[in-house]
């Protein structure tokens, strides 16, 4: 069985604070995310609630209750996985927002033209 070290990126910490614990300062949010990461589940497949709502595909995921941190291999250290962001259940990823924008604009334009 392989052993991995999970490294939290600044972006993942910022998103955790923004989406899960907005009342905490950055340092406290980082401390809490580190504590939670210790009890999270490292899984190769995204939870179902995440898989249907996002285009963010990663080789590993750290699942902590209603949060998921997609993990990517470190560019230099094979045994280190880097948490690239933090998504909460009910949130939509930036990739999904980007994908949906043209459809929403087109729908708005159709509504404006029809009116």
PDB file of N, CA and C in Angstrom:
ATOM      1  N   UNK A   1       0.837  -1.180   0.000  1.00  0.00           N
ATOM      2  CA  UNK A   1       0.000   0.000   0.000  1.00  0.00           C
ATOM      3  C   UNK A   1       0.883   1.245   0.000  1.00  0.00           C
ATOM      4  N   UNK A   2       0.556   2.209  -0.851  1.00  0.00           N
ATOM      5  CA  UNK A   2       1.333   3.443  -0.965  1.00  0.00           C
ATOM      6  C   UNK A   2       0.965   4.419   0.137  1.00  0.00           C
ATOM      7  N   UNK A   3       1.934   5.210   0.513  1.00  0.00           N
ATOM      8  CA  UNK A   3       1.716   6.270   1.484  1.00  0.00           C
ATOM      9  C   UNK A   3       1.896   7.602   0.776  1.00  0.00           C
ATOM     10  N   UNK A   4       0.956   8.510   0.978  1.00  0.00           N
ATOM     11  CA  UNK A   4       1.021   9.817   0.355  1.00  0.00           C
ATOM     12  C   UNK A   4       1.050  10.901   1.420  1.00  0.00           C
ATOM     13  N   UNK A   5       1.658  11.999   1.082  1.00  0.00           N
ATOM     14  CA  UNK A   5       1.593  13.211   1.879  1.00  0.00           C
ATOM     15  C   UNK A   5       0.689  14.169   1.128  1.00  0.00           C
ATOM     16  N   UNK A   6      -0.260  14.773   1.815  1.00  0.00           N
ATOM     17  CA  UNK A   6      -1.154  15.742   1.188  1.00  0.00           C
ATOM     18  C   UNK A   6      -0.673  17.142   1.535  1.00  0.00           C
ATOM     19  N   UNK A   7      -0.441  17.920   0.508  1.00  0.00           N
ATOM     20  CA  UNK A   7      -0.008  19.311   0.668  1.00  0.00           C
ATOM     21  C   UNK A   7      -1.187  20.204   0.303  1.00  0.00           C
ATOM     22  N   UNK A   8      -1.537  21.129   1.177  1.00  0.00           N
ATOM     23  CA  UNK A   8      -2.643  22.045   0.926  1.00  0.00           C
ATOM     24  C   UNK A   8      -2.133  23.288   0.222  1.00  0.00           C
ATOM     25  N   UNK A   9      -2.645  23.574  -0.951  1.00  0.00           N
ATOM     26  CA  UNK A   9      -2.240  24.792  -1.660  1.00  0.00           C
ATOM     27  C   UNK A   9      -2.911  26.000  -1.004  1.00  0.00           C
ATOM     28  N   UNK A  10      -2.350  27.162  -1.244  1.00  0.00           N
ATOM     29  CA  UNK A  10      -2.943  28.399  -0.727  1.00  0.00           C
ATOM     30  C   UNK A  10      -4.363  28.554  -1.272  1.00  0.00           C
ATOM     31  N   UNK A  11      -4.547  28.184  -2.529  1.00  0.00           N
ATOM     32  CA  UNK A  11      -5.866  28.293  -3.146  1.00  0.00           C
ATOM     33  C   UNK A  11      -6.884  27.396  -2.428  1.00  0.00           C
ATOM     34  N   UNK A  12      -6.492  26.173  -2.094  1.00  0.00           N
ATOM     35  CA  UNK A  12      -7.394  25.262  -1.382  1.00  0.00           C
ATOM     36  C   UNK A  12      -7.776  25.843  -0.024  1.00  0.00           C
ATOM     37  N   UNK A  13      -6.821  26.421   0.663  1.00  0.00           N
ATOM     38  CA  UNK A  13      -7.097  27.026   1.974  1.00  0.00           C
ATOM     39  C   UNK A  13      -8.034  28.222   1.818  1.00  0.00           C
ATOM     40  N   UNK A  14      -7.790  29.059   0.819  1.00  0.00           N
ATOM     41  CA  UNK A  14      -8.658  30.214   0.579  1.00  0.00           C
ATOM     42  C   UNK A  14     -10.079  29.782   0.251  1.00  0.00           C
ATOM     43  N   UNK A  15     -10.210  28.756  -0.592  1.00  0.00           N
ATOM     44  CA  UNK A  15     -11.545  28.273  -0.963  1.00  0.00           C
ATOM     45  C   UNK A  15     -12.250  27.614   0.223  1.00  0.00           C
ATOM     46  N   UNK A  16     -11.512  26.907   1.071  1.00  0.00           N
ATOM     47  CA  UNK A  16     -12.106  26.327   2.283  1.00  0.00           C
ATOM     48  C   UNK A  16     -12.669  27.448   3.147  1.00  0.00           C
ATOM     49  N   UNK A  17     -11.886  28.474   3.325  1.00  0.00           N
ATOM     50  CA  UNK A  17     -12.337  29.606   4.142  1.00  0.00           C
ATOM     51  C   UNK A  17     -13.545  30.272   3.507  1.00  0.00           C
ATOM     52  N   UNK A  18     -13.499  30.508   2.212  1.00  0.00           N
ATOM     53  CA  UNK A  18     -14.585  31.178   1.508  1.00  0.00           C
ATOM     54  C   UNK A  18     -15.873  30.353   1.505  1.00  0.00           C
ATOM     55  N   UNK A  19     -15.757  29.060   1.251  1.00  0.00           N
ATOM     56  CA  UNK A  19     -16.936  28.226   1.031  1.00  0.00           C
ATOM     57  C   UNK A  19     -17.438  27.497   2.270  1.00  0.00           C
ATOM     58  N   UNK A  20     -16.562  27.275   3.251  1.00  0.00           N
ATOM     59  CA  UNK A  20     -16.948  26.450   4.395  1.00  0.00           C
ATOM     60  C   UNK A  20     -16.892  27.223   5.709  1.00  0.00           C
ATOM     61  N   UNK A  21     -15.823  27.963   5.949  1.00  0.00           N
ATOM     62  CA  UNK A  21     -15.640  28.651   7.238  1.00  0.00           C
ATOM     63  C   UNK A  21     -15.305  30.133   7.047  1.00  0.00           C
ATOM     64  N   UNK A  22     -16.234  30.931   6.487  1.00  0.00           N
ATOM     65  CA  UNK A  22     -15.927  32.334   6.189  1.00  0.00           C
ATOM     66  C   UNK A  22     -15.656  33.199   7.416  1.00  0.00           C
ATOM     67  N   UNK A  23     -16.077  32.776   8.586  1.00  0.00           N
ATOM     68  CA  UNK A  23     -15.866  33.589   9.791  1.00  0.00           C
ATOM     69  C   UNK A  23     -14.448  33.475  10.332  1.00  0.00           C
ATOM     70  N   UNK A  24     -13.684  32.495   9.868  1.00  0.00           N
ATOM     71  CA  UNK A  24     -12.318  32.297  10.371  1.00  0.00           C
ATOM     72  C   UNK A  24     -11.318  33.141   9.601  1.00  0.00           C
ATOM     73  N   UNK A  25     -10.257  33.521  10.281  1.00  0.00           N
ATOM     74  CA  UNK A  25      -9.142  34.156   9.602  1.00  0.00           C
ATOM     75  C   UNK A  25      -8.388  33.101   8.800  1.00  0.00           C
ATOM     76  N   UNK A  26      -7.464  33.531   7.979  1.00  0.00           N
ATOM     77  CA  UNK A  26      -6.737  32.604   7.105  1.00  0.00           C
ATOM     78  C   UNK A  26      -5.968  31.560   7.910  1.00  0.00           C
ATOM     79  N   UNK A  27      -5.251  31.982   8.939  1.00  0.00           N
ATOM     80  CA  UNK A  27      -4.449  31.047   9.736  1.00  0.00           C
ATOM     81  C   UNK A  27      -5.330  30.019  10.445  1.00  0.00           C
ATOM     82  N   UNK A  28      -6.431  30.469  11.017  1.00  0.00           N
ATOM     83  CA  UNK A  28      -7.336  29.545  11.715  1.00  0.00           C
ATOM     84  C   UNK A  28      -8.001  28.584  10.721  1.00  0.00           C
ATOM     85  N   UNK A  29      -8.365  29.086   9.542  1.00  0.00           N
ATOM     86  CA  UNK A  29      -8.966  28.227   8.517  1.00  0.00           C
ATOM     87  C   UNK A  29      -7.963  27.164   8.071  1.00  0.00           C
ATOM     88  N   UNK A  30      -6.715  27.565   7.926  1.00  0.00           N
ATOM     89  CA  UNK A  30      -5.672  26.596   7.549  1.00  0.00           C
ATOM     90  C   UNK A  30      -5.512  25.530   8.634  1.00  0.00           C
ATOM     91  N   UNK A  31      -5.463  25.959   9.887  1.00  0.00           N
ATOM     92  CA  UNK A  31      -5.338  25.009  10.997  1.00  0.00           C
ATOM     93  C   UNK A  31      -6.505  24.017  11.014  1.00  0.00           C
ATOM     94  N   UNK A  32      -7.714  24.535  10.803  1.00  0.00           N
ATOM     95  CA  UNK A  32      -8.881  23.654  10.822  1.00  0.00           C
ATOM     96  C   UNK A  32      -8.855  22.682   9.640  1.00  0.00           C
ATOM     97  N   UNK A  33      -8.475  23.168   8.472  1.00  0.00           N
ATOM     98  CA  UNK A  33      -8.412  22.288   7.306  1.00  0.00           C
ATOM     99  C   UNK A  33      -7.351  21.206   7.489  1.00  0.00           C
ATOM    100  N   UNK A  34      -6.239  21.540   8.100  1.00  0.00           N
ATOM    101  CA  UNK A  34      -5.203  20.540   8.386  1.00  0.00           C
ATOM    102  C   UNK A  34      -5.759  19.475   9.328  1.00  0.00           C
ATOM    103  N   UNK A  35      -6.435  19.888  10.386  1.00  0.00           N
ATOM    104  CA  UNK A  35      -7.016  18.927  11.329  1.00  0.00           C
ATOM    105  C   UNK A  35      -8.054  18.031  10.648  1.00  0.00           C
ATOM    106  N   UNK A  36      -8.895  18.623   9.814  1.00  0.00           N
ATOM    107  CA  UNK A  36      -9.916  17.851   9.114  1.00  0.00           C
ATOM    108  C   UNK A  36      -9.310  16.902   8.086  1.00  0.00           C
ATOM    109  N   UNK A  37      -8.243  17.336   7.435  1.00  0.00           N
ATOM    110  CA  UNK A  37      -7.598  16.496   6.421  1.00  0.00           C
ATOM    111  C   UNK A  37      -7.057  15.208   7.036  1.00  0.00           C
ATOM    112  N   UNK A  38      -6.678  15.266   8.294  1.00  0.00           N
ATOM    113  CA  UNK A  38      -6.149  14.080   8.971  1.00  0.00           C
ATOM    114  C   UNK A  38      -7.187  12.971   9.110  1.00  0.00           C
ATOM    115  N   UNK A  39      -8.461  13.331   9.143  1.00  0.00           N
ATOM    116  CA  UNK A  39      -9.517  12.328   9.295  1.00  0.00           C
ATOM    117  C   UNK A  39     -10.323  12.125   8.014  1.00  0.00           C
ATOM    118  N   UNK A  40      -9.945  12.817   6.937  1.00  0.00           N
ATOM    119  CA  UNK A  40     -10.647  12.673   5.665  1.00  0.00           C
ATOM    120  C   UNK A  40     -10.322  11.347   4.996  1.00  0.00           C
ATOM    121  N   UNK A  41     -11.106  11.011   3.995  1.00  0.00           N
ATOM    122  CA  UNK A  41     -10.902   9.782   3.231  1.00  0.00           C
ATOM    123  C   UNK A  41     -10.207  10.097   1.915  1.00  0.00           C
ATOM    124  N   UNK A  42      -9.123   9.394   1.644  1.00  0.00           N
ATOM    125  CA  UNK A  42      -8.396   9.528   0.383  1.00  0.00           C
ATOM    126  C   UNK A  42      -8.951   8.476  -0.564  1.00  0.00           C
ATOM    127  N   UNK A  43      -9.636   8.919  -1.619  1.00  0.00           N
ATOM    128  CA  UNK A  43     -10.316   7.994  -2.527  1.00  0.00           C
ATOM    129  C   UNK A  43      -9.947   8.301  -3.977  1.00  0.00           C
ATOM    130  N   UNK A  44      -9.955   7.263  -4.849  1.00  0.00           N
ATOM    131  CA  UNK A  44      -9.605   7.482  -6.255  1.00  0.00           C
ATOM    132  C   UNK A  44     -10.760   7.997  -7.111  1.00  0.00           C
ATOM    133  N   UNK A  45     -11.977   7.959  -6.598  1.00  0.00           N
ATOM    134  CA  UNK A  45     -13.128   8.438  -7.356  1.00  0.00           C
ATOM    135  C   UNK A  45     -13.845   9.528  -6.585  1.00  0.00           C
ATOM    136  N   UNK A  46     -14.347  10.501  -7.330  1.00  0.00           N
ATOM    137  CA  UNK A  46     -15.067  11.607  -6.704  1.00  0.00           C
ATOM    138  C   UNK A  46     -16.380  11.112  -6.117  1.00  0.00           C
ATOM    139  N   UNK A  47     -16.828  11.720  -5.014  1.00  0.00           N
ATOM    140  CA  UNK A  47     -18.145  11.360  -4.491  1.00  0.00           C
ATOM    141  C   UNK A  47     -19.207  11.682  -5.548  1.00  0.00           C
ATOM    142  N   UNK A  48     -20.304  10.971  -5.528  1.00  0.00           N
ATOM    143  CA  UNK A  48     -21.352  11.146  -6.544  1.00  0.00           C
ATOM    144  C   UNK A  48     -21.836  12.589  -6.618  1.00  0.00           C
ATOM    145  N   UNK A  49     -22.010  13.242  -5.470  1.00  0.00           N
ATOM    146  CA  UNK A  49     -22.505  14.620  -5.480  1.00  0.00           C
ATOM    147  C   UNK A  49     -21.523  15.569  -6.153  1.00  0.00           C
ATOM    148  N   UNK A  50     -20.252  15.246  -6.111  1.00  0.00           N
ATOM    149  CA  UNK A  50     -19.241  16.084  -6.762  1.00  0.00           C
ATOM    150  C   UNK A  50     -19.141  15.756  -8.243  1.00  0.00           C
ATOM    151  N   UNK A  51     -19.196  14.488  -8.571  1.00  0.00           N
ATOM    152  CA  UNK A  51     -19.004  14.042  -9.952  1.00  0.00           C
ATOM    153  C   UNK A  51     -20.067  14.596 -10.894  1.00  0.00           C
ATOM    154  N   UNK A  52     -21.307  14.733 -10.428  1.00  0.00           N
ATOM    155  CA  UNK A  52     -22.362  15.222 -11.313  1.00  0.00           C
ATOM    156  C   UNK A  52     -22.380  16.744 -11.432  1.00  0.00           C
ATOM    157  N   UNK A  53     -21.733  17.446 -10.521  1.00  0.00           N
ATOM    158  CA  UNK A  53     -21.818  18.902 -10.504  1.00  0.00           C
ATOM    159  C   UNK A  53     -20.555  19.609 -10.989  1.00  0.00           C
ATOM    160  N   UNK A  54     -19.531  18.871 -11.373  1.00  0.00           N
ATOM    161  CA  UNK A  54     -18.287  19.539 -11.705  1.00  0.00           C
ATOM    162  C   UNK A  54     -17.538  18.846 -12.827  1.00  0.00           C
ATOM    163  N   UNK A  55     -16.660  19.597 -13.438  1.00  0.00           N
ATOM    164  CA  UNK A  55     -15.807  19.038 -14.483  1.00  0.00           C
ATOM    165  C   UNK A  55     -14.392  18.821 -13.955  1.00  0.00           C
ATOM    166  N   UNK A  56     -14.199  18.998 -12.657  1.00  0.00           N
ATOM    167  CA  UNK A  56     -12.873  18.882 -12.055  1.00  0.00           C
ATOM    168  C   UNK A  56     -12.542  17.408 -11.804  1.00  0.00           C
ATOM    169  N   UNK A  57     -11.753  16.821 -12.684  1.00  0.00           N
ATOM    170  CA  UNK A  57     -11.391  15.413 -12.567  1.00  0.00           C
ATOM    171  C   UNK A  57      -9.947  15.334 -12.084  1.00  0.00           C
ATOM    172  N   UNK A  58      -9.718  14.534 -11.067  1.00  0.00           N
ATOM    173  CA  UNK A  58      -8.387  14.392 -10.486  1.00  0.00           C
ATOM    174  C   UNK A  58      -8.105  12.915 -10.239  1.00  0.00           C
ATOM    175  N   UNK A  59      -6.827  12.558 -10.113  1.00  0.00           N
ATOM    176  CA  UNK A  59      -6.509  11.157  -9.842  1.00  0.00           C
ATOM    177  C   UNK A  59      -6.881  10.709  -8.425  1.00  0.00           C
ATOM    178  N   UNK A  60      -6.947  11.633  -7.478  1.00  0.00           N
ATOM    179  CA  UNK A  60      -7.307  11.329  -6.094  1.00  0.00           C
ATOM    180  C   UNK A  60      -8.153  12.456  -5.542  1.00  0.00           C
ATOM    181  N   UNK A  61      -8.940  12.126  -4.522  1.00  0.00           N
ATOM    182  CA  UNK A  61      -9.776  13.121  -3.847  1.00  0.00           C
ATOM    183  C   UNK A  61      -9.664  12.909  -2.352  1.00  0.00           C
ATOM    184  N   UNK A  62      -9.610  14.003  -1.616  1.00  0.00           N
ATOM    185  CA  UNK A  62      -9.681  13.947  -0.162  1.00  0.00           C
ATOM    186  C   UNK A  62     -11.086  14.396   0.203  1.00  0.00           C
ATOM    187  N   UNK A  63     -11.871  13.473   0.727  1.00  0.00           N
ATOM    188  CA  UNK A  63     -13.269  13.749   1.048  1.00  0.00           C
ATOM    189  C   UNK A  63     -13.395  13.943   2.556  1.00  0.00           C
ATOM    190  N   UNK A  64     -13.913  15.107   2.934  1.00  0.00           N
ATOM    191  CA  UNK A  64     -14.123  15.454   4.334  1.00  0.00           C
ATOM    192  C   UNK A  64     -15.585  15.869   4.461  1.00  0.00           C
ATOM    193  N   UNK A  65     -16.441  14.934   4.840  1.00  0.00           N
ATOM    194  CA  UNK A  65     -17.889  15.183   4.981  1.00  0.00           C
ATOM    195  C   UNK A  65     -18.438  15.781   3.686  1.00  0.00           C
ATOM    196  N   UNK A  66     -18.891  17.033   3.718  1.00  0.00           N
ATOM    197  CA  UNK A  66     -19.470  17.674   2.542  1.00  0.00           C
ATOM    198  C   UNK A  66     -18.462  18.521   1.770  1.00  0.00           C
ATOM    199  N   UNK A  67     -17.194  18.252   1.959  1.00  0.00           N
ATOM    200  CA  UNK A  67     -16.134  18.944   1.221  1.00  0.00           C
ATOM    201  C   UNK A  67     -15.316  17.913   0.452  1.00  0.00           C
ATOM    202  N   UNK A  68     -14.823  18.335  -0.683  1.00  0.00           N
ATOM    203  CA  UNK A  68     -13.918  17.476  -1.443  1.00  0.00           C
ATOM    204  C   UNK A  68     -12.751  18.339  -1.923  1.00  0.00           C
ATOM    205  N   UNK A  69     -11.564  17.791  -1.766  1.00  0.00           N
ATOM    206  CA  UNK A  69     -10.355  18.456  -2.236  1.00  0.00           C
ATOM    207  C   UNK A  69      -9.747  17.588  -3.335  1.00  0.00           C
ATOM    208  N   UNK A  70      -9.843  18.019  -4.599  1.00  0.00           N
ATOM    209  CA  UNK A  70      -9.197  17.271  -5.673  1.00  0.00           C
ATOM    210  C   UNK A  70      -7.680  17.312  -5.456  1.00  0.00           C
ATOM    211  N   UNK A  71      -7.029  16.170  -5.652  1.00  0.00           N
ATOM    212  CA  UNK A  71      -5.591  16.068  -5.412  1.00  0.00           C
ATOM    213  C   UNK A  71      -4.859  15.731  -6.715  1.00  0.00           C
ATOM    214  N   UNK A  72      -3.794  16.428  -6.958  1.00  0.00           N
ATOM    215  CA  UNK A  72      -2.956  16.182  -8.127  1.00  0.00           C
ATOM    216  C   UNK A  72      -1.544  15.849  -7.650  1.00  0.00           C
ATOM    217  N   UNK A  73      -0.835  15.022  -8.413  1.00  0.00           N
ATOM    218  CA  UNK A  73       0.548  14.715  -8.029  1.00  0.00           C
ATOM    219  C   UNK A  73       1.421  15.972  -8.055  1.00  0.00           C
ATOM    220  N   UNK A  74       2.308  16.062  -7.098  1.00  0.00           N
ATOM    221  CA  UNK A  74       3.278  17.161  -7.062  1.00  0.00           C
ATOM    222  C   UNK A  74       4.159  17.045  -8.290  1.00  0.00           C
ATOM    223  N   UNK A  75       4.555  18.146  -8.848  1.00  0.00           N
ATOM    224  CA  UNK A  75       5.317  18.122 -10.095  1.00  0.00           C
ATOM    225  C   UNK A  75       6.693  17.496  -9.948  1.00  0.00           C
ATOM    226  N   UNK A  76       7.208  17.437  -8.713  1.00  0.00           N
ATOM    227  CA  UNK A  76       8.546  16.906  -8.516  1.00  0.00           C
ATOM    228  C   UNK A  76       8.608  15.709  -7.571  1.00  0.00           C
ATOM    229  N   UNK A  77       7.695  15.639  -6.621  1.00  0.00           N
ATOM    230  CA  UNK A  77       7.741  14.592  -5.608  1.00  0.00           C
ATOM    231  C   UNK A  77       6.557  13.634  -5.789  1.00  0.00           C
ATOM    232  N   UNK A  78       6.845  12.413  -6.214  1.00  0.00           N
ATOM    233  CA  UNK A  78       5.795  11.447  -6.558  1.00  0.00           C
ATOM    234  C   UNK A  78       4.908  11.062  -5.374  1.00  0.00           C
ATOM    235  N   UNK A  79       5.428  11.091  -4.154  1.00  0.00           N
ATOM    236  CA  UNK A  79       4.637  10.673  -2.998  1.00  0.00           C
ATOM    237  C   UNK A  79       3.823  11.815  -2.382  1.00  0.00           C
ATOM    238  N   UNK A  80       3.864  12.999  -3.004  1.00  0.00           N
ATOM    239  CA  UNK A  80       3.125  14.157  -2.498  1.00  0.00           C
ATOM    240  C   UNK A  80       1.955  14.452  -3.432  1.00  0.00           C
ATOM    241  N   UNK A  81       0.766  14.580  -2.835  1.00  0.00           N
ATOM    242  CA  UNK A  81      -0.432  14.980  -3.570  1.00  0.00           C
ATOM    243  C   UNK A  81      -0.801  16.390  -3.116  1.00  0.00           C
ATOM    244  N   UNK A  82      -1.108  17.248  -4.067  1.00  0.00           N
ATOM    245  CA  UNK A  82      -1.413  18.644  -3.763  1.00  0.00           C
ATOM    246  C   UNK A  82      -2.907  18.892  -3.911  1.00  0.00           C
ATOM    247  N   UNK A  83      -3.518  19.416  -2.857  1.00  0.00           N
ATOM    248  CA  UNK A  83      -4.929  19.809  -2.910  1.00  0.00           C
ATOM    249  C   UNK A  83      -5.009  21.112  -3.688  1.00  0.00           C
ATOM    250  N   UNK A  84      -5.653  21.065  -4.846  1.00  0.00           N
ATOM    251  CA  UNK A  84      -5.684  22.233  -5.725  1.00  0.00           C
ATOM    252  C   UNK A  84      -6.785  23.222  -5.380  1.00  0.00           C
ATOM    253  N   UNK A  85      -7.871  22.732  -4.790  1.00  0.00           N
ATOM    254  CA  UNK A  85      -8.982  23.597  -4.407  1.00  0.00           C
ATOM    255  C   UNK A  85      -9.818  22.876  -3.361  1.00  0.00           C
ATOM    256  N   UNK A  86     -10.840  23.523  -2.893  1.00  0.00           N
ATOM    257  CA  UNK A  86     -11.784  22.918  -1.944  1.00  0.00           C
ATOM    258  C   UNK A  86     -13.180  23.243  -2.437  1.00  0.00           C
ATOM    259  N   UNK A  87     -13.961  22.198  -2.660  1.00  0.00           N
ATOM    260  CA  UNK A  87     -15.336  22.381  -3.113  1.00  0.00           C
ATOM    261  C   UNK A  87     -16.280  21.829  -2.050  1.00  0.00           C
ATOM    262  N   UNK A  88     -17.375  22.530  -1.838  1.00  0.00           N
ATOM    263  CA  UNK A  88     -18.368  22.094  -0.864  1.00  0.00           C
ATOM    264  C   UNK A  88     -19.607  21.598  -1.599  1.00  0.00           C
ATOM    265  N   UNK A  89     -20.297  20.662  -0.990  1.00  0.00           N
ATOM    266  CA  UNK A  89     -21.526  20.156  -1.608  1.00  0.00           C
ATOM    267  C   UNK A  89     -22.458  21.334  -1.871  1.00  0.00           C
ATOM    268  N   UNK A  90     -23.003  21.372  -3.054  1.00  0.00           N
ATOM    269  CA  UNK A  90     -23.879  22.475  -3.442  1.00  0.00           C
ATOM    270  C   UNK A  90     -23.155  23.563  -4.206  1.00  0.00           C
ATOM    271  N   UNK A  91     -21.838  23.597  -4.133  1.00  0.00           N
ATOM    272  CA  UNK A  91     -21.042  24.567  -4.873  1.00  0.00           C
ATOM    273  C   UNK A  91     -20.826  24.072  -6.294  1.00  0.00           C
ATOM    274  N   UNK A  92     -20.618  24.980  -7.206  1.00  0.00           N
ATOM    275  CA  UNK A  92     -20.299  24.642  -8.580  1.00  0.00           C
ATOM    276  C   UNK A  92     -18.878  25.116  -8.846  1.00  0.00           C
ATOM    277  N   UNK A  93     -18.072  24.267  -9.468  1.00  0.00           N
ATOM    278  CA  UNK A  93     -16.676  24.615  -9.723  1.00  0.00           C
ATOM    279  C   UNK A  93     -16.554  25.708 -10.777  1.00  0.00           C
ATOM    280  N   UNK A  94     -15.403  26.342 -10.806  1.00  0.00           N
ATOM    281  CA  UNK A  94     -15.133  27.365 -11.814  1.00  0.00           C
ATOM    282  C   UNK A  94     -15.202  26.775 -13.220  1.00  0.00           C
ATOM    283  N   UNK A  95     -14.720  25.547 -13.387  1.00  0.00           N
ATOM    284  CA  UNK A  95     -14.757  24.907 -14.704  1.00  0.00           C
ATOM    285  C   UNK A  95     -16.195  24.730 -15.177  1.00  0.00           C
ATOM    286  N   UNK A  96     -17.077  24.341 -14.268  1.00  0.00           N
ATOM    287  CA  UNK A  96     -18.480  24.175 -14.632  1.00  0.00           C
ATOM    288  C   UNK A  96     -19.116  25.520 -14.928  1.00  0.00           C
ATOM    289  N   UNK A  97     -18.811  26.539 -14.132  1.00  0.00           N
ATOM    290  CA  UNK A  97     -19.333  27.883 -14.407  1.00  0.00           C
ATOM    291  C   UNK A  97     -18.903  28.351 -15.783  1.00  0.00           C
ATOM    292  N   UNK A  98     -17.638  28.137 -16.108  1.00  0.00           N
ATOM    293  CA  UNK A  98     -17.102  28.546 -17.406  1.00  0.00           C
ATOM    294  C   UNK A  98     -17.834  27.823 -18.532  1.00  0.00           C
ATOM    295  N   UNK A  99     -18.079  26.522 -18.336  1.00  0.00           N
ATOM    296  CA  UNK A  99     -18.779  25.727 -19.343  1.00  0.00           C
ATOM    297  C   UNK A  99     -20.220  26.193 -19.522  1.00  0.00           C
ATOM    298  N   UNK A 100     -20.858  26.612 -18.457  1.00  0.00           N
ATOM    299  CA  UNK A 100     -22.268  27.010 -18.514  1.00  0.00           C
ATOM    300  C   UNK A 100     -22.488  28.429 -19.022  1.00  0.00           C
ATOM    301  N   UNK A 101     -21.488  29.301 -18.920  1.00  0.00           N
ATOM    302  CA  UNK A 101     -21.665  30.703 -19.287  1.00  0.00           C
ATOM    303  C   UNK A 101     -22.232  30.899 -20.691  1.00  0.00           C
ATOM    304  N   UNK A 102     -21.655  30.263 -21.721  1.00  0.00           N
ATOM    305  CA  UNK A 102     -22.202  30.497 -23.068  1.00  0.00           C
ATOM    306  C   UNK A 102     -23.670  30.094 -23.192  1.00  0.00           C
ATOM    307  N   UNK A 103     -24.063  29.001 -22.548  1.00  0.00           N
ATOM    308  CA  UNK A 103     -25.467  28.571 -22.606  1.00  0.00           C
ATOM    309  C   UNK A 103     -26.371  29.580 -21.921  1.00  0.00           C
ATOM    310  N   UNK A 104     -25.931  30.118 -20.793  1.00  0.00           N
ATOM    311  CA  UNK A 104     -26.766  31.095 -20.080  1.00  0.00           C
ATOM    312  C   UNK A 104     -26.872  32.394 -20.866  1.00  0.00           C
ATOM    313  N   UNK A 105     -25.754  32.812 -21.469  1.00  0.00           N
ATOM    314  CA  UNK A 105     -25.804  34.029 -22.289  1.00  0.00           C
ATOM    315  C   UNK A 105     -26.739  33.838 -23.471  1.00  0.00           C
ATOM    316  N   UNK A 106     -26.646  32.682 -24.120  1.00  0.00           N
ATOM    317  CA  UNK A 106     -27.509  32.404 -25.263  1.00  0.00           C
ATOM    318  C   UNK A 106     -28.982  32.384 -24.842  1.00  0.00           C
ATOM    319  N   UNK A 107     -29.266  31.800 -23.685  1.00  0.00           N
ATOM    320  CA  UNK A 107     -30.644  31.759 -23.189  1.00  0.00           C
ATOM    321  C   UNK A 107     -31.140  33.155 -22.883  1.00  0.00           C
ATOM    322  N   UNK A 108     -30.285  34.004 -22.320  1.00  0.00           N
ATOM    323  CA  UNK A 108     -30.659  35.381 -22.012  1.00  0.00           C
ATOM    324  C   UNK A 108     -30.932  36.164 -23.294  1.00  0.00           C
ATOM    325  N   UNK A 109     -30.071  35.967 -24.293  1.00  0.00           N
ATOM    326  CA  UNK A 109     -30.242  36.661 -25.564  1.00  0.00           C
ATOM    327  C   UNK A 109     -31.561  36.242 -26.214  1.00  0.00           C
ATOM    328  N   UNK A 110     -31.893  34.956 -26.159  1.00  0.00           N
ATOM    329  CA  UNK A 110     -33.131  34.466 -26.729  1.00  0.00           C
ATOM    330  C   UNK A 110     -34.318  35.075 -26.011  1.00  0.00           C
ATOM    331  N   UNK A 111     -34.236  35.199 -24.707  1.00  0.00           N
ATOM    332  CA  UNK A 111     -35.306  35.796 -23.912  1.00  0.00           C
ATOM    333  C   UNK A 111     -35.472  37.268 -24.258  1.00  0.00           C
ATOM    334  N   UNK A 112     -34.363  37.992 -24.404  1.00  0.00           N
ATOM    335  CA  UNK A 112     -34.422  39.415 -24.729  1.00  0.00           C
ATOM    336  C   UNK A 112     -34.978  39.655 -26.127  1.00  0.00           C
ATOM    337  N   UNK A 113     -34.603  38.816 -27.079  1.00  0.00           N
ATOM    338  CA  UNK A 113     -35.076  38.962 -28.450  1.00  0.00           C
ATOM    339  C   UNK A 113     -36.556  38.629 -28.538  1.00  0.00           C
ATOM    340  N   UNK A 114     -37.009  37.618 -27.798  1.00  0.00           N
ATOM    341  CA  UNK A 114     -38.409  37.193 -27.835  1.00  0.00           C
ATOM    342  C   UNK A 114     -39.327  38.217 -27.176  1.00  0.00           C
ATOM    343  N   UNK A 115     -38.798  38.982 -26.246  1.00  0.00           N
ATOM    344  CA  UNK A 115     -39.630  39.919 -25.487  1.00  0.00           C
ATOM    345  C   UNK A 115     -39.957  41.160 -26.243  1.00  0.00           C
TER     346      UNK A 115
END
